[in-house]
Structures are given as structure tokens and as C-alpha cells.
PDB file of N, CA and C in Angstrom:
ATOM      1  N   MET A   1      60.091 -51.641 -21.937  1.00  0.00           N
ATOM      2  CA  MET A   1      61.214 -50.910 -23.216  1.00  0.00           C
ATOM      3  C   MET A   1      61.020 -49.115 -22.337  1.00  0.00           C
ATOM      4  N   ALA A   2      61.967 -48.606 -22.048  1.00  0.00           N
ATOM      5  CA  ALA A   2      61.529 -47.258 -21.629  1.00  0.00           C
ATOM      6  C   ALA A   2      60.689 -46.105 -22.188  1.00  0.00           C
ATOM      7  N   LEU A   3      60.227 -45.375 -21.202  1.00  0.00           N
ATOM      8  CA  LEU A   3      59.491 -44.071 -22.191  1.00  0.00           C
ATOM      9  C   LEU A   3      60.378 -42.859 -21.691  1.00  0.00           C
ATOM     10  N   TYR A   4      59.924 -41.878 -22.549  1.00  0.00           N
ATOM     11  CA  TYR A   4      60.508 -40.829 -22.564  1.00  0.00           C
ATOM     12  C   TYR A   4      59.403 -39.629 -22.069  1.00  0.00           C
ATOM     13  N   ALA A   5      59.739 -38.809 -21.179  1.00  0.00           N
ATOM     14  CA  ALA A   5      58.925 -37.739 -20.970  1.00  0.00           C
ATOM     15  C   ALA A   5      59.521 -36.452 -21.087  1.00  0.00           C
ATOM     16  N   PHE A   6      59.266 -35.630 -22.160  1.00  0.00           N
ATOM     17  CA  PHE A   6      59.871 -34.220 -22.178  1.00  0.00           C
ATOM     18  C   PHE A   6      58.873 -33.180 -20.892  1.00  0.00           C
ATOM     19  N   VAL A   7      60.016 -32.835 -20.120  1.00  0.00           N
ATOM     20  CA  VAL A   7      59.435 -31.939 -19.167  1.00  0.00           C
ATOM     21  C   VAL A   7      59.832 -30.272 -19.524  1.00  0.00           C
ATOM     22  N   ALA A   8      58.315 -29.538 -19.628  1.00  0.00           N
ATOM     23  CA  ALA A   8      58.987 -28.098 -19.775  1.00  0.00           C
ATOM     24  C   ALA A   8      58.368 -27.255 -18.607  1.00  0.00           C
ATOM     25  N   LEU A   9      59.701 -26.864 -18.144  1.00  0.00           N
ATOM     26  CA  LEU A   9      59.700 -25.990 -16.918  1.00  0.00           C
ATOM     27  C   LEU A   9      59.582 -24.533 -16.977  1.00  0.00           C
ATOM     28  N   LYS A  10      58.584 -23.673 -16.621  1.00  0.00           N
ATOM     29  CA  LYS A  10      58.222 -22.080 -16.863  1.00  0.00           C
ATOM     30  C   LYS A  10      58.167 -21.629 -15.635  1.00  0.00           C
ATOM     31  N   TYR A  11      59.461 -20.714 -15.384  1.00  0.00           N
ATOM     32  CA  TYR A  11      59.624 -19.995 -14.484  1.00  0.00           C
ATOM     33  C   TYR A  11      58.785 -19.007 -13.624  1.00  0.00           C
ATOM     34  N   LEU A  12      58.227 -19.074 -12.713  1.00  0.00           N
ATOM     35  CA  LEU A  12      56.917 -18.117 -11.895  1.00  0.00           C
ATOM     36  C   LEU A  12      57.570 -17.106 -11.374  1.00  0.00           C
ATOM     37  N   TYR A  13      58.888 -16.966 -11.204  1.00  0.00           N
ATOM     38  CA  TYR A  13      59.510 -15.838 -10.319  1.00  0.00           C
ATOM     39  C   TYR A  13      60.584 -15.154 -11.323  1.00  0.00           C
ATOM     40  N   PRO A  14      60.998 -14.080 -11.113  1.00  0.00           N
ATOM     41  CA  PRO A  14      62.287 -13.638 -11.752  1.00  0.00           C
ATOM     42  C   PRO A  14      63.468 -14.275 -11.520  1.00  0.00           C
ATOM     43  N   LEU A  15      64.363 -14.217 -12.757  1.00  0.00           N
ATOM     44  CA  LEU A  15      65.798 -14.932 -12.508  1.00  0.00           C
ATOM     45  C   LEU A  15      66.663 -14.819 -11.156  1.00  0.00           C
ATOM     46  N   GLU A  16      66.310 -13.462 -10.595  1.00  0.00           N
ATOM     47  CA  GLU A  16      67.166 -13.583  -9.518  1.00  0.00           C
ATOM     48  C   GLU A  16      66.785 -14.604  -8.483  1.00  0.00           C
ATOM     49  N   ARG A  17      65.583 -14.595  -8.335  1.00  0.00           N
ATOM     50  CA  ARG A  17      64.880 -15.765  -7.498  1.00  0.00           C
ATOM     51  C   ARG A  17      65.298 -17.030  -7.546  1.00  0.00           C
ATOM     52  N   MET A  18      65.158 -17.644  -9.009  1.00  0.00           N
ATOM     53  CA  MET A  18      65.470 -18.982  -9.287  1.00  0.00           C
ATOM     54  C   MET A  18      66.943 -18.979  -9.051  1.00  0.00           C
ATOM     55  N   GLN A  19      67.709 -18.094  -9.270  1.00  0.00           N
ATOM     56  CA  GLN A  19      69.364 -18.492  -9.059  1.00  0.00           C
ATOM     57  C   GLN A  19      69.339 -18.686  -7.777  1.00  0.00           C
ATOM     58  N   GLN A  20      68.605 -18.251  -6.404  1.00  0.00           N
ATOM     59  CA  GLN A  20      68.948 -18.906  -5.234  1.00  0.00           C
ATOM     60  C   GLN A  20      68.540 -20.140  -4.886  1.00  0.00           C
ATOM     61  N   THR A  21      67.947 -21.086  -5.872  1.00  0.00           N
ATOM     62  CA  THR A  21      67.851 -22.310  -5.565  1.00  0.00           C
ATOM     63  C   THR A  21      68.608 -23.098  -6.960  1.00  0.00           C
ATOM     64  N   VAL A  22      68.870 -22.711  -7.904  1.00  0.00           N
ATOM     65  CA  VAL A  22      69.398 -23.319  -9.113  1.00  0.00           C
ATOM     66  C   VAL A  22      70.439 -24.443  -8.663  1.00  0.00           C
ATOM     67  N   GLU A  23      71.348 -24.126  -7.838  1.00  0.00           N
ATOM     68  CA  GLU A  23      72.340 -25.049  -7.345  1.00  0.00           C
ATOM     69  C   GLU A  23      72.015 -26.251  -6.876  1.00  0.00           C
ATOM     70  N   ARG A  24      70.846 -26.503  -6.014  1.00  0.00           N
ATOM     71  CA  ARG A  24      70.305 -27.312  -5.317  1.00  0.00           C
ATOM     72  C   ARG A  24      69.406 -28.161  -6.520  1.00  0.00           C
ATOM     73  N   HIS A  25      68.560 -27.154  -7.280  1.00  0.00           N
ATOM     74  CA  HIS A  25      67.716 -28.154  -8.512  1.00  0.00           C
ATOM     75  C   HIS A  25      68.927 -28.710  -9.499  1.00  0.00           C
ATOM     76  N   ARG A  26      70.320 -28.068  -9.646  1.00  0.00           N
ATOM     77  CA  ARG A  26      71.122 -28.814 -10.532  1.00  0.00           C
ATOM     78  C   ARG A  26      72.022 -30.130  -9.993  1.00  0.00           C
ATOM     79  N   ALA A  27      71.809 -30.264  -8.627  1.00  0.00           N
ATOM     80  CA  ALA A  27      72.386 -31.136  -7.736  1.00  0.00           C
ATOM     81  C   ALA A  27      71.549 -32.351  -8.049  1.00  0.00           C
ATOM     82  N   TYR A  28      70.278 -31.953  -7.661  1.00  0.00           N
ATOM     83  CA  TYR A  28      69.009 -33.087  -8.218  1.00  0.00           C
ATOM     84  C   TYR A  28      69.098 -33.676  -9.413  1.00  0.00           C
ATOM     85  N   LEU A  29      69.091 -32.691 -10.634  1.00  0.00           N
ATOM     86  CA  LEU A  29      69.296 -33.197 -11.950  1.00  0.00           C
ATOM     87  C   LEU A  29      70.316 -33.961 -12.329  1.00  0.00           C
ATOM     88  N   ARG A  30      71.559 -33.719 -11.535  1.00  0.00           N
ATOM     89  CA  ARG A  30      72.729 -34.491 -11.823  1.00  0.00           C
ATOM     90  C   ARG A  30      72.686 -36.064 -11.029  1.00  0.00           C
ATOM     91  N   GLU A  31      71.694 -35.932 -10.017  1.00  0.00           N
ATOM     92  CA  GLU A  31      71.400 -37.501  -9.362  1.00  0.00           C
ATOM     93  C   GLU A  31      70.474 -38.061 -10.137  1.00  0.00           C
ATOM     94  N   LEU A  32      69.753 -37.720 -11.050  1.00  0.00           N
ATOM     95  CA  LEU A  32      68.732 -38.287 -12.064  1.00  0.00           C
ATOM     96  C   LEU A  32      69.387 -38.973 -12.977  1.00  0.00           C
ATOM     97  N   HIS A  33      70.220 -38.228 -13.593  1.00  0.00           N
ATOM     98  CA  HIS A  33      71.209 -38.178 -14.547  1.00  0.00           C
ATOM     99  C   HIS A  33      72.098 -39.505 -14.333  1.00  0.00           C
ATOM    100  N   ALA A  34      72.701 -39.521 -12.768  1.00  0.00           N
ATOM    101  CA  ALA A  34      73.418 -40.742 -12.509  1.00  0.00           C
ATOM    102  C   ALA A  34      72.634 -42.039 -12.505  1.00  0.00           C
ATOM    103  N   GLN A  35      71.338 -41.887 -12.258  1.00  0.00           N
ATOM    104  CA  GLN A  35      70.582 -43.302 -11.921  1.00  0.00           C
ATOM    105  C   GLN A  35      70.022 -43.152 -13.269  1.00  0.00           C
ATOM    106  N   GLY A  36      70.093 -42.832 -14.487  1.00  0.00           N
ATOM    107  CA  GLY A  36      69.696 -43.139 -15.704  1.00  0.00           C
ATOM    108  C   GLY A  36      67.885 -42.913 -15.664  1.00  0.00           C
ATOM    109  N   LYS A  37      67.630 -41.960 -14.647  1.00  0.00           N
ATOM    110  CA  LYS A  37      66.319 -41.283 -15.060  1.00  0.00           C
ATOM    111  C   LYS A  37      66.215 -39.980 -15.536  1.00  0.00           C
ATOM    112  N   MET A  38      67.373 -39.460 -16.104  1.00  0.00           N
ATOM    113  CA  MET A  38      67.072 -38.001 -16.801  1.00  0.00           C
ATOM    114  C   MET A  38      68.179 -38.166 -18.018  1.00  0.00           C
ATOM    115  N   VAL A  39      68.079 -37.892 -19.273  1.00  0.00           N
ATOM    116  CA  VAL A  39      69.007 -38.115 -20.432  1.00  0.00           C
ATOM    117  C   VAL A  39      69.451 -36.660 -20.344  1.00  0.00           C
ATOM    118  N   CYS A  40      69.249 -35.577 -20.391  1.00  0.00           N
ATOM    119  CA  CYS A  40      69.677 -34.244 -20.372  1.00  0.00           C
ATOM    120  C   CYS A  40      68.454 -33.196 -19.859  1.00  0.00           C
ATOM    121  N   SER A  41      69.175 -32.033 -19.684  1.00  0.00           N
ATOM    122  CA  SER A  41      68.084 -31.194 -19.170  1.00  0.00           C
ATOM    123  C   SER A  41      68.866 -29.932 -19.423  1.00  0.00           C
ATOM    124  N   GLY A  42      68.313 -28.334 -19.069  1.00  0.00           N
ATOM    125  CA  GLY A  42      69.157 -27.104 -19.513  1.00  0.00           C
ATOM    126  C   GLY A  42      67.868 -26.103 -19.582  1.00  0.00           C
ATOM    127  N   PRO A  43      68.671 -24.797 -19.555  1.00  0.00           N
ATOM    128  CA  PRO A  43      67.544 -23.390 -19.761  1.00  0.00           C
ATOM    129  C   PRO A  43      67.184 -23.406 -21.089  1.00  0.00           C
ATOM    130  N   PHE A  44      65.851 -22.685 -21.137  1.00  0.00           N
ATOM    131  CA  PHE A  44      65.440 -22.230 -22.338  1.00  0.00           C
ATOM    132  C   PHE A  44      66.278 -20.957 -22.876  1.00  0.00           C
ATOM    133  N   VAL A  45      66.413 -20.466 -24.198  1.00  0.00           N
ATOM    134  CA  VAL A  45      66.677 -19.211 -24.223  1.00  0.00           C
ATOM    135  C   VAL A  45      65.901 -18.624 -25.015  1.00  0.00           C
ATOM    136  N   PRO A  46      65.298 -17.411 -24.510  1.00  0.00           N
ATOM    137  CA  PRO A  46      65.820 -16.602 -23.289  1.00  0.00           C
ATOM    138  C   PRO A  46      65.547 -17.346 -22.158  1.00  0.00           C
ATOM    139  N   ARG A  47      66.144 -17.370 -20.891  1.00  0.00           N
ATOM    140  CA  ARG A  47      65.962 -17.863 -19.961  1.00  0.00           C
ATOM    141  C   ARG A  47      64.401 -17.457 -19.191  1.00  0.00           C
ATOM    142  N   GLU A  48      63.358 -18.246 -19.633  1.00  0.00           N
ATOM    143  CA  GLU A  48      62.166 -18.052 -18.994  1.00  0.00           C
ATOM    144  C   GLU A  48      61.618 -19.300 -18.445  1.00  0.00           C
ATOM    145  N   GLY A  49      62.667 -20.327 -18.228  1.00  0.00           N
ATOM    146  CA  GLY A  49      62.404 -21.645 -17.680  1.00  0.00           C
ATOM    147  C   GLY A  49      63.411 -22.841 -18.231  1.00  0.00           C
ATOM    148  N   GLY A  50      62.970 -23.731 -18.470  1.00  0.00           N
ATOM    149  CA  GLY A  50      64.100 -24.883 -18.874  1.00  0.00           C
ATOM    150  C   GLY A  50      63.097 -26.386 -18.984  1.00  0.00           C
ATOM    151  N   ALA A  51      63.917 -27.341 -19.462  1.00  0.00           N
ATOM    152  CA  ALA A  51      63.418 -28.749 -20.210  1.00  0.00           C
ATOM    153  C   ALA A  51      64.296 -29.821 -19.412  1.00  0.00           C
ATOM    154  N   MET A  52      63.651 -31.057 -19.126  1.00  0.00           N
ATOM    155  CA  MET A  52      64.526 -32.055 -19.000  1.00  0.00           C
ATOM    156  C   MET A  52      63.560 -33.137 -19.824  1.00  0.00           C
ATOM    157  N   LEU A  53      64.650 -34.080 -20.080  1.00  0.00           N
ATOM    158  CA  LEU A  53      64.311 -35.038 -20.785  1.00  0.00           C
ATOM    159  C   LEU A  53      64.247 -36.663 -19.827  1.00  0.00           C
ATOM    160  N   LEU A  54      63.360 -37.202 -19.662  1.00  0.00           N
ATOM    161  CA  LEU A  54      63.585 -38.180 -18.669  1.00  0.00           C
ATOM    162  C   LEU A  54      62.894 -39.344 -18.889  1.00  0.00           C
ATOM    163  N   ARG A  55      63.661 -40.472 -18.718  1.00  0.00           N
ATOM    164  CA  ARG A  55      63.358 -41.941 -19.468  1.00  0.00           C
ATOM    165  C   ARG A  55      62.855 -42.611 -17.888  1.00  0.00           C
ATOM    166  N   VAL A  56      61.913 -43.037 -18.348  1.00  0.00           N
ATOM    167  CA  VAL A  56      60.876 -43.926 -17.140  1.00  0.00           C
ATOM    168  C   VAL A  56      60.311 -45.135 -17.544  1.00  0.00           C
ATOM    169  N   GLU A  57      60.199 -45.964 -16.867  1.00  0.00           N
ATOM    170  CA  GLU A  57      59.548 -47.335 -17.131  1.00  0.00           C
ATOM    171  C   GLU A  57      57.942 -47.281 -17.383  1.00  0.00           C
ATOM    172  N   ALA A  58      57.402 -46.343 -16.437  1.00  0.00           N
ATOM    173  CA  ALA A  58      55.803 -46.263 -16.355  1.00  0.00           C
ATOM    174  C   ALA A  58      55.746 -44.533 -16.307  1.00  0.00           C
ATOM    175  N   PRO A  59      54.503 -43.995 -16.675  1.00  0.00           N
ATOM    176  CA  PRO A  59      54.518 -42.742 -16.618  1.00  0.00           C
ATOM    177  C   PRO A  59      54.134 -42.168 -15.123  1.00  0.00           C
ATOM    178  N   SER A  60      53.713 -43.077 -14.424  1.00  0.00           N
ATOM    179  CA  SER A  60      53.562 -43.078 -12.754  1.00  0.00           C
ATOM    180  C   SER A  60      54.650 -42.485 -12.300  1.00  0.00           C
ATOM    181  N   GLU A  61      56.202 -42.901 -12.615  1.00  0.00           N
ATOM    182  CA  GLU A  61      57.370 -42.298 -12.135  1.00  0.00           C
ATOM    183  C   GLU A  61      57.480 -40.877 -12.272  1.00  0.00           C
ATOM    184  N   ILE A  62      56.737 -40.527 -13.198  1.00  0.00           N
ATOM    185  CA  ILE A  62      57.479 -38.511 -13.593  1.00  0.00           C
ATOM    186  C   ILE A  62      56.885 -37.918 -12.165  1.00  0.00           C
ATOM    187  N   GLU A  63      55.550 -38.023 -11.814  1.00  0.00           N
ATOM    188  CA  GLU A  63      55.278 -36.711 -10.680  1.00  0.00           C
ATOM    189  C   GLU A  63      56.180 -36.870  -9.596  1.00  0.00           C
ATOM    190  N   PRO A  64      56.440 -38.256  -9.011  1.00  0.00           N
ATOM    191  CA  PRO A  64      57.339 -38.499  -7.620  1.00  0.00           C
ATOM    192  C   PRO A  64      58.662 -37.696  -8.029  1.00  0.00           C
ATOM    193  N   ILE A  65      59.120 -37.838  -9.202  1.00  0.00           N
ATOM    194  CA  ILE A  65      60.411 -37.365  -9.726  1.00  0.00           C
ATOM    195  C   ILE A  65      60.449 -36.154  -9.583  1.00  0.00           C
ATOM    196  N   LEU A  66      59.450 -35.520 -10.083  1.00  0.00           N
ATOM    197  CA  LEU A  66      59.479 -33.931 -10.011  1.00  0.00           C
ATOM    198  C   LEU A  66      59.141 -33.346  -8.669  1.00  0.00           C
ATOM    199  N   ALA A  67      58.463 -33.941  -7.961  1.00  0.00           N
ATOM    200  CA  ALA A  67      58.056 -33.596  -6.784  1.00  0.00           C
ATOM    201  C   ALA A  67      59.345 -33.736  -5.744  1.00  0.00           C
ATOM    202  N   LYS A  68      60.236 -34.288  -5.864  1.00  0.00           N
ATOM    203  CA  LYS A  68      61.658 -34.017  -4.993  1.00  0.00           C
ATOM    204  C   LYS A  68      62.722 -32.914  -5.656  1.00  0.00           C
ATOM    205  N   ASP A  69      62.255 -32.499  -6.654  1.00  0.00           N
ATOM    206  CA  ASP A  69      62.979 -31.039  -7.656  1.00  0.00           C
ATOM    207  C   ASP A  69      63.099 -30.303  -6.466  1.00  0.00           C
ATOM    208  N   PRO A  70      63.723 -29.430  -5.929  1.00  0.00           N
ATOM    209  CA  PRO A  70      63.857 -28.316  -5.135  1.00  0.00           C
ATOM    210  C   PRO A  70      63.021 -26.889  -5.926  1.00  0.00           C
ATOM    211  N   TYR A  71      62.790 -27.111  -7.399  1.00  0.00           N
ATOM    212  CA  TYR A  71      62.325 -25.974  -7.696  1.00  0.00           C
ATOM    213  C   TYR A  71      60.742 -26.245  -7.329  1.00  0.00           C
ATOM    214  N   HIS A  72      60.250 -27.530  -7.573  1.00  0.00           N
ATOM    215  CA  HIS A  72      59.161 -27.937  -7.533  1.00  0.00           C
ATOM    216  C   HIS A  72      58.683 -27.999  -5.878  1.00  0.00           C
ATOM    217  N   LEU A  73      59.549 -28.471  -5.095  1.00  0.00           N
ATOM    218  CA  LEU A  73      59.493 -27.962  -3.579  1.00  0.00           C
ATOM    219  C   LEU A  73      59.117 -26.584  -2.881  1.00  0.00           C
ATOM    220  N   GLU A  74      59.732 -25.975  -3.879  1.00  0.00           N
ATOM    221  CA  GLU A  74      59.861 -24.270  -3.459  1.00  0.00           C
ATOM    222  C   GLU A  74      58.598 -23.577  -4.160  1.00  0.00           C
ATOM    223  N   LYS A  75      58.201 -24.565  -5.078  1.00  0.00           N
ATOM    224  CA  LYS A  75      56.536 -24.146  -5.800  1.00  0.00           C
ATOM    225  C   LYS A  75      57.414 -22.674  -6.770  1.00  0.00           C
ATOM    226  N   LEU A  76      58.212 -22.917  -7.365  1.00  0.00           N
ATOM    227  CA  LEU A  76      59.218 -22.058  -8.322  1.00  0.00           C
ATOM    228  C   LEU A  76      58.601 -21.836  -9.709  1.00  0.00           C
ATOM    229  N   VAL A  77      58.047 -23.032 -10.103  1.00  0.00           N
ATOM    230  CA  VAL A  77      58.046 -23.385 -11.598  1.00  0.00           C
ATOM    231  C   VAL A  77      56.425 -23.899 -11.901  1.00  0.00           C
ATOM    232  N   ALA A  78      55.865 -23.901 -12.730  1.00  0.00           N
ATOM    233  CA  ALA A  78      55.035 -24.525 -13.394  1.00  0.00           C
ATOM    234  C   ALA A  78      55.298 -25.491 -14.451  1.00  0.00           C
ATOM    235  N   ASP A  79      54.914 -26.636 -14.487  1.00  0.00           N
ATOM    236  CA  ASP A  79      55.489 -27.843 -15.578  1.00  0.00           C
ATOM    237  C   ASP A  79      54.066 -28.168 -16.491  1.00  0.00           C
ATOM    238  N   THR A  80      54.965 -28.704 -17.742  1.00  0.00           N
ATOM    239  CA  THR A  80      54.124 -29.606 -18.868  1.00  0.00           C
ATOM    240  C   THR A  80      54.814 -30.756 -19.268  1.00  0.00           C
ATOM    241  N   ILE A  81      54.013 -31.481 -19.023  1.00  0.00           N
ATOM    242  CA  ILE A  81      54.709 -33.215 -19.340  1.00  0.00           C
ATOM    243  C   ILE A  81      54.040 -33.599 -20.517  1.00  0.00           C
ATOM    244  N   TYR A  82      55.038 -34.214 -21.434  1.00  0.00           N
ATOM    245  CA  TYR A  82      54.801 -34.533 -22.598  1.00  0.00           C
ATOM    246  C   TYR A  82      55.036 -36.033 -22.593  1.00  0.00           C
ATOM    247  N   ILE A  83      54.545 -37.099 -22.695  1.00  0.00           N
ATOM    248  CA  ILE A  83      55.225 -38.529 -22.855  1.00  0.00           C
ATOM    249  C   ILE A  83      55.619 -38.647 -24.418  1.00  0.00           C
ATOM    250  N   TRP A  84      56.591 -38.916 -24.566  1.00  0.00           N
ATOM    251  CA  TRP A  84      56.989 -39.218 -25.756  1.00  0.00           C
ATOM    252  C   TRP A  84      57.829 -40.369 -26.126  1.00  0.00           C
ATOM    253  N   ASP A  85      57.350 -40.662 -27.353  1.00  0.00           N
ATOM    254  CA  ASP A  85      57.741 -42.247 -28.090  1.00  0.00           C
ATOM    255  C   ASP A  85      58.247 -41.780 -29.238  1.00  0.00           C
ATOM    256  N   PRO A  86      59.882 -41.310 -29.009  1.00  0.00           N
ATOM    257  CA  PRO A  86      60.623 -40.999 -30.342  1.00  0.00           C
ATOM    258  C   PRO A  86      60.530 -42.591 -31.206  1.00  0.00           C
ATOM    259  N   ASN A  87      60.735 -42.354 -32.516  1.00  0.00           N
ATOM    260  CA  ASN A  87      61.207 -43.590 -33.486  1.00  0.00           C
ATOM    261  C   ASN A  87      62.088 -43.204 -33.969  1.00  0.00           C
ATOM    262  N   VAL A  88      62.224 -42.213 -34.895  1.00  0.00           N
ATOM    263  CA  VAL A  88      63.430 -41.578 -35.151  1.00  0.00           C
ATOM    264  C   VAL A  88      64.496 -41.411 -34.565  1.00  0.00           C
ATOM    265  N   GLY A  89      65.629 -42.065 -34.370  1.00  0.00           N
ATOM    266  CA  GLY A  89      66.993 -41.567 -33.686  1.00  0.00           C
ATOM    267  C   GLY A  89      66.997 -42.172 -32.166  1.00  0.00           C
ATOM    268  N   ARG A  90      65.631 -43.145 -31.655  1.00  0.00           N
ATOM    269  CA  ARG A  90      65.255 -43.481 -30.635  1.00  0.00           C
ATOM    270  C   ARG A  90      66.600 -44.558 -29.964  1.00  0.00           C
ATOM    271  N   GLU A  91      67.363 -45.200 -31.141  1.00  0.00           N
ATOM    272  CA  GLU A  91      68.447 -45.970 -30.821  1.00  0.00           C
ATOM    273  C   GLU A  91      69.638 -45.240 -30.014  1.00  0.00           C
ATOM    274  N   GLY A  92      69.735 -44.196 -30.498  1.00  0.00           N
ATOM    275  CA  GLY A  92      70.577 -42.844 -29.893  1.00  0.00           C
ATOM    276  C   GLY A  92      70.206 -42.354 -28.437  1.00  0.00           C
ATOM    277  N   LEU A  93      69.031 -42.432 -28.170  1.00  0.00           N
ATOM    278  CA  LEU A  93      68.847 -42.239 -26.839  1.00  0.00           C
ATOM    279  C   LEU A  93      68.583 -43.167 -25.935  1.00  0.00           C
ATOM    280  N   ASP A  94      68.337 -44.232 -26.732  1.00  0.00           N
ATOM    281  CA  ASP A  94      68.556 -45.157 -25.610  1.00  0.00           C
ATOM    282  C   ASP A  94      69.813 -45.756 -25.387  1.00  0.00           C
ATOM    283  N   SER A  95      70.935 -45.320 -26.127  1.00  0.00           N
ATOM    284  CA  SER A  95      72.473 -45.724 -26.231  1.00  0.00           C
ATOM    285  C   SER A  95      73.094 -44.723 -24.744  1.00  0.00           C
ATOM    286  N   LEU A  96      72.345 -43.839 -24.582  1.00  0.00           N
ATOM    287  CA  LEU A  96      72.666 -42.694 -23.407  1.00  0.00           C
ATOM    288  C   LEU A  96      72.338 -43.003 -22.338  1.00  0.00           C
ATOM    289  N   ALA A  97      71.491 -44.286 -22.110  1.00  0.00           N
ATOM    290  CA  ALA A  97      71.390 -44.908 -20.562  1.00  0.00           C
ATOM    291  C   ALA A  97      72.877 -45.205 -19.859  1.00  0.00           C
ATOM    292  N   PRO A  98      72.916 -44.823 -18.600  1.00  0.00           N
ATOM    293  CA  PRO A  98      74.193 -45.112 -17.874  1.00  0.00           C
ATOM    294  C   PRO A  98      74.250 -46.793 -17.827  1.00  0.00           C
ATOM    295  N   LYS A  99      75.339 -47.118 -17.958  1.00  0.00           N
ATOM    296  CA  LYS A  99      75.790 -48.470 -17.795  1.00  0.00           C
ATOM    297  C   LYS A  99      75.739 -49.163 -16.361  1.00  0.00           C
ATOM    298  N   PRO A 100      75.277 -50.405 -15.813  1.00  0.00           N
ATOM    299  CA  PRO A 100      75.661 -50.749 -14.740  1.00  0.00           C
ATOM    300  C   PRO A 100      76.746 -50.755 -14.189  1.00  0.00           C
ATOM    301  N   ALA A 101      76.899 -50.195 -12.815  1.00  0.00           N
ATOM    302  CA  ALA A 101      78.138 -50.378 -12.271  1.00  0.00           C
ATOM    303  C   ALA A 101      78.678 -51.892 -11.844  1.00  0.00           C
ATOM    304  N   SER A 102      79.867 -51.971 -12.326  1.00  0.00           N
ATOM    305  CA  SER A 102      80.557 -53.571 -12.086  1.00  0.00           C
ATOM    306  C   SER A 102      80.689 -53.383 -10.716  1.00  0.00           C
ATOM    307  N   ALA A 103      80.534 -55.075 -10.460  1.00  0.00           N
ATOM    308  CA  ALA A 103      80.667 -55.337  -9.487  1.00  0.00           C
ATOM    309  C   ALA A 103      82.343 -54.955  -8.674  1.00  0.00           C
ATOM    310  N   PRO A 104      82.439 -54.567  -7.464  1.00  0.00           N
ATOM    311  CA  PRO A 104      83.486 -54.639  -6.728  1.00  0.00           C
ATOM    312  C   PRO A 104      84.651 -55.602  -7.346  1.00  0.00           C
ATOM    313  N   GLY A 105      86.005 -55.670  -7.904  1.00  0.00           N
ATOM    314  CA  GLY A 105      86.819 -56.408  -8.270  1.00  0.00           C
ATOM    315  C   GLY A 105      86.596 -57.074  -9.511  1.00  0.00           C
ATOM    316  N   ALA A 106      85.436 -56.804 -10.601  1.00  0.00           N
ATOM    317  CA  ALA A 106      85.101 -57.228 -11.761  1.00  0.00           C
ATOM    318  C   ALA A 106      85.815 -56.607 -13.019  1.00  0.00           C
ATOM    319  N   ARG A 107      85.947 -57.378 -13.985  1.00  0.00           N
ATOM    320  CA  ARG A 107      86.895 -56.561 -14.842  1.00  0.00           C
ATOM    321  C   ARG A 107      86.009 -56.965 -16.175  1.00  0.00           C
TER     322      ARG A 107
END
């Protein structure tokens, strides 16, 4: 059964600096989403950071995922990680997992 991790990111620099890296950060998050490793992400309001909800098989997967994020590579954020075991509504979260790609020519 998959585990979930809620990751809160706190910006360490003004928004103007964060904007210089935001497109690379979001591109990486889109890759994670396509791989089924991330359920969703987005900024906080007011925009002082953001969060992502990761789907992993083991807690040991979290740090390597975060280490490849451009915000982490450039040391622009501090993070707080919460391993999360949802009970109410878990079926809805689990249903958001991407479907495996069909083999070429399959129907």
C-alpha cells in the first residue's frame, strides 16, 4: 500500500528570486506527477512557500525525490515532511494514481 507524504516548503528568499527558478521547479513536479510519485502541489496563500503531496512506497524515497527538485538544488527552500496515513477519503486519493501506459498496439 502506498504511503503519502505532505511536504511543506518555506521560501528562504523573496518571491522575485523564487520566480527565477519556478518554471524548472514546476517542470520537475510535472515529471513526478506523470510518474505517479506526486498527487498534487501548489503555492500557499500568501505566497511564502508551497506544498506537495507525494505518493511513495517507503519513506526512504522522499529525500531523493526532494534532492532533485531545482528549489532544493539551489537551496531556496526549507522543508517539513509529514508522513501521512489518510483514512477518510483514502480511496479518492488512491484513485488519482496514473494508469499504467498501455503497450503499443494494445486496445
